[in-house]
Amino acid sequence: MNAHQRFGWIMFTLSGVFFLAIGVRDGDLLTIGGAVVWMIGCAAFLLSSDS
């Protein structure tokens, strides 16, 4: 994975953090769950593409 791709996935993960913050602020469990799944998916892709 090149630097631009890694940067893009880190930005996707960061968007999940903001998505999670909105869910926590609003107390919306569906939004919180979606954000957690989103960030797990991003982390899995970053870890699997580490080579």
C-alpha atoms as a PDB file:
ATOM      1  CA  MET A   1       0.000   0.000   0.000  1.00  0.00           C
ATOM      2  CA  ASN A   2       1.457   3.348  -0.956  1.00  0.00           C
ATOM      3  CA  ALA A   3       1.400   6.488   1.183  1.00  0.00           C
ATOM      4  CA  HIS A   4      -1.617   8.014  -0.587  1.00  0.00           C
ATOM      5  CA  GLN A   5      -3.725   4.904  -0.090  1.00  0.00           C
ATOM      6  CA  ARG A   6      -2.715   4.662   3.577  1.00  0.00           C
ATOM      7  CA  PHE A   7      -3.575   8.342   4.068  1.00  0.00           C
ATOM      8  CA  GLY A   8      -6.982   7.766   2.472  1.00  0.00           C
ATOM      9  CA  TRP A   9      -7.787   4.849   4.775  1.00  0.00           C
ATOM     10  CA  ILE A  10      -6.662   6.839   7.805  1.00  0.00           C
ATOM     11  CA  MET A  11      -9.033   9.626   6.737  1.00  0.00           C
ATOM     12  CA  PHE A  12     -11.857   7.080   6.362  1.00  0.00           C
ATOM     13  CA  THR A  13     -11.105   5.888   9.894  1.00  0.00           C
ATOM     14  CA  LEU A  14     -11.081   9.468  11.176  1.00  0.00           C
ATOM     15  CA  SER A  15     -14.502  10.035   9.620  1.00  0.00           C
ATOM     16  CA  GLY A  16     -15.689   7.036  11.646  1.00  0.00           C
ATOM     17  CA  VAL A  17     -14.445   8.725  14.817  1.00  0.00           C
ATOM     18  CA  PHE A  18     -16.514  11.816  14.030  1.00  0.00           C
ATOM     19  CA  PHE A  19     -19.481   9.605  13.115  1.00  0.00           C
ATOM     20  CA  LEU A  20     -19.094   7.896  16.515  1.00  0.00           C
ATOM     21  CA  ALA A  21     -18.924  11.252  18.314  1.00  0.00           C
ATOM     22  CA  ILE A  22     -22.196  12.340  16.708  1.00  0.00           C
ATOM     23  CA  GLY A  23     -23.838   9.087  17.782  1.00  0.00           C
ATOM     24  CA  VAL A  24     -22.617   9.474  21.360  1.00  0.00           C
ATOM     25  CA  ARG A  25     -23.726  13.111  21.472  1.00  0.00           C
ATOM     26  CA  ASP A  26     -27.202  12.229  20.214  1.00  0.00           C
ATOM     27  CA  GLY A  27     -27.442   8.967  22.147  1.00  0.00           C
ATOM     28  CA  ASP A  28     -28.242   7.075  18.927  1.00  0.00           C
ATOM     29  CA  LEU A  29     -27.253   3.418  19.272  1.00  0.00           C
ATOM     30  CA  LEU A  30     -27.679   2.717  15.557  1.00  0.00           C
ATOM     31  CA  THR A  31     -25.216   5.484  14.671  1.00  0.00           C
ATOM     32  CA  ILE A  32     -22.768   4.266  17.320  1.00  0.00           C
ATOM     33  CA  GLY A  33     -23.024   0.712  16.011  1.00  0.00           C
ATOM     34  CA  GLY A  34     -22.537   1.847  12.427  1.00  0.00           C
ATOM     35  CA  ALA A  35     -19.484   3.886  13.378  1.00  0.00           C
ATOM     36  CA  VAL A  36     -17.929   0.978  15.255  1.00  0.00           C
ATOM     37  CA  VAL A  37     -18.485  -1.388  12.326  1.00  0.00           C
ATOM     38  CA  TRP A  38     -17.060   1.246   9.944  1.00  0.00           C
ATOM     39  CA  MET A  39     -13.897   1.694  12.046  1.00  0.00           C
ATOM     40  CA  ILE A  40     -13.409  -2.070  12.472  1.00  0.00           C
ATOM     41  CA  GLY A  41     -13.641  -2.460   8.696  1.00  0.00           C
ATOM     42  CA  CYS A  42     -11.106   0.314   8.120  1.00  0.00           C
ATOM     43  CA  ALA A  43      -8.735  -1.138  10.727  1.00  0.00           C
ATOM     44  CA  ALA A  44      -9.035  -4.622   9.232  1.00  0.00           C
ATOM     45  CA  PHE A  45      -8.191  -3.277   5.787  1.00  0.00           C
ATOM     46  CA  LEU A  46      -5.226  -1.272   7.107  1.00  0.00           C
ATOM     47  CA  LEU A  47      -3.862  -4.281   9.000  1.00  0.00           C
ATOM     48  CA  SER A  48      -4.375  -6.719   6.107  1.00  0.00           C
ATOM     49  CA  SER A  49      -2.689  -4.359   3.635  1.00  0.00           C
ATOM     50  CA  ASP A  50       0.335  -3.760   5.827  1.00  0.00           C
ATOM     51  CA  SER A  51       2.706  -5.748   3.608  1.00  0.00           C
END
